[in-house]
Amino acid sequence: MQHSNSTVIGIAGGTFLSVLPNLHSEDVLKTVILATLGAIVSFIISMTLKYLIKKHKK
């Protein structure tokens, strides 16, 4: 089944607009903080593993 771009955009926009009234500022702030923390932890783990693999290959 093929979807046109306008259909996909319409569905995404409708979903967003139906969720928007249910969002509270505390939820958005919590999500931003957790996403930032997750990105930082992921970056640190990636750099640590890269360092350990490089050190192990020597």
C-alpha atoms as a PDB file:
ATOM      1  CA  MET A   1       0.000   0.000   0.000  1.00  0.00           C
ATOM      2  CA  GLN A   2       1.452   3.331  -1.047  1.00  0.00           C
ATOM      3  CA  HIS A   3       1.016   6.556   0.877  1.00  0.00           C
ATOM      4  CA  SER A   4       1.395  10.015  -0.571  1.00  0.00           C
ATOM      5  CA  ASN A   5       3.419  12.615   1.307  1.00  0.00           C
ATOM      6  CA  SER A   6       0.324  14.685   2.011  1.00  0.00           C
ATOM      7  CA  THR A   7      -1.371  11.701   3.682  1.00  0.00           C
ATOM      8  CA  VAL A   8       1.624  11.009   5.907  1.00  0.00           C
ATOM      9  CA  ILE A   9       1.967  14.687   6.817  1.00  0.00           C
ATOM     10  CA  GLY A  10      -1.769  14.885   7.549  1.00  0.00           C
ATOM     11  CA  ILE A  11      -1.646  11.845   9.838  1.00  0.00           C
ATOM     12  CA  ALA A  12       1.461  13.110  11.652  1.00  0.00           C
ATOM     13  CA  GLY A  13      -0.007  16.595  12.037  1.00  0.00           C
ATOM     14  CA  GLY A  14      -3.323  15.261  13.304  1.00  0.00           C
ATOM     15  CA  THR A  15      -1.585  13.017  15.818  1.00  0.00           C
ATOM     16  CA  PHE A  16       0.560  15.897  17.042  1.00  0.00           C
ATOM     17  CA  LEU A  17      -2.405  18.232  17.396  1.00  0.00           C
ATOM     18  CA  SER A  18      -4.425  15.618  19.271  1.00  0.00           C
ATOM     19  CA  VAL A  19      -1.580  15.017  21.737  1.00  0.00           C
ATOM     20  CA  LEU A  20      -0.706  18.705  22.187  1.00  0.00           C
ATOM     21  CA  PRO A  21      -3.530  19.631  24.616  1.00  0.00           C
ATOM     22  CA  ASN A  22      -2.552  16.739  26.899  1.00  0.00           C
ATOM     23  CA  LEU A  23       1.067  17.838  27.308  1.00  0.00           C
ATOM     24  CA  HIS A  24       2.055  19.663  30.449  1.00  0.00           C
ATOM     25  CA  SER A  25       5.134  21.844  30.773  1.00  0.00           C
ATOM     26  CA  GLU A  26       6.537  19.576  33.501  1.00  0.00           C
ATOM     27  CA  ASP A  27       6.336  16.593  31.144  1.00  0.00           C
ATOM     28  CA  VAL A  28       8.100  18.446  28.357  1.00  0.00           C
ATOM     29  CA  LEU A  29      10.838  19.670  30.710  1.00  0.00           C
ATOM     30  CA  LYS A  30      11.313  16.165  32.122  1.00  0.00           C
ATOM     31  CA  THR A  31      11.549  14.738  28.603  1.00  0.00           C
ATOM     32  CA  VAL A  32      14.138  17.328  27.541  1.00  0.00           C
ATOM     33  CA  ILE A  33      16.244  16.670  30.655  1.00  0.00           C
ATOM     34  CA  LEU A  34      16.088  12.888  30.236  1.00  0.00           C
ATOM     35  CA  ALA A  35      16.897  13.098  26.516  1.00  0.00           C
ATOM     36  CA  THR A  36      19.905  15.304  27.252  1.00  0.00           C
ATOM     37  CA  LEU A  37      21.121  12.975  29.984  1.00  0.00           C
ATOM     38  CA  GLY A  38      20.665   9.966  27.712  1.00  0.00           C
ATOM     39  CA  ALA A  39      22.654  11.610  24.917  1.00  0.00           C
ATOM     40  CA  ILE A  40      25.493  12.504  27.292  1.00  0.00           C
ATOM     41  CA  VAL A  41      25.659   8.987  28.749  1.00  0.00           C
ATOM     42  CA  SER A  42      25.551   7.452  25.276  1.00  0.00           C
ATOM     43  CA  PHE A  43      28.385   9.699  24.099  1.00  0.00           C
ATOM     44  CA  ILE A  44      30.538   8.898  27.146  1.00  0.00           C
ATOM     45  CA  ILE A  45      29.967   5.145  26.776  1.00  0.00           C
ATOM     46  CA  SER A  46      30.773   5.298  23.053  1.00  0.00           C
ATOM     47  CA  MET A  47      34.013   7.195  23.653  1.00  0.00           C
ATOM     48  CA  THR A  48      34.996   4.839  26.487  1.00  0.00           C
ATOM     49  CA  LEU A  49      34.387   1.756  24.361  1.00  0.00           C
ATOM     50  CA  LYS A  50      36.281   3.296  21.447  1.00  0.00           C
ATOM     51  CA  TYR A  51      39.223   4.003  23.774  1.00  0.00           C
ATOM     52  CA  LEU A  52      39.158   0.501  25.266  1.00  0.00           C
ATOM     53  CA  ILE A  53      38.974  -1.194  21.856  1.00  0.00           C
ATOM     54  CA  LYS A  54      41.822   0.946  20.528  1.00  0.00           C
ATOM     55  CA  LYS A  55      43.908   0.175  23.635  1.00  0.00           C
ATOM     56  CA  HIS A  56      43.135  -3.549  23.412  1.00  0.00           C
ATOM     57  CA  LYS A  57      44.209  -3.807  19.747  1.00  0.00           C
ATOM     58  CA  LYS A  58      47.721  -2.506  20.489  1.00  0.00           C
END
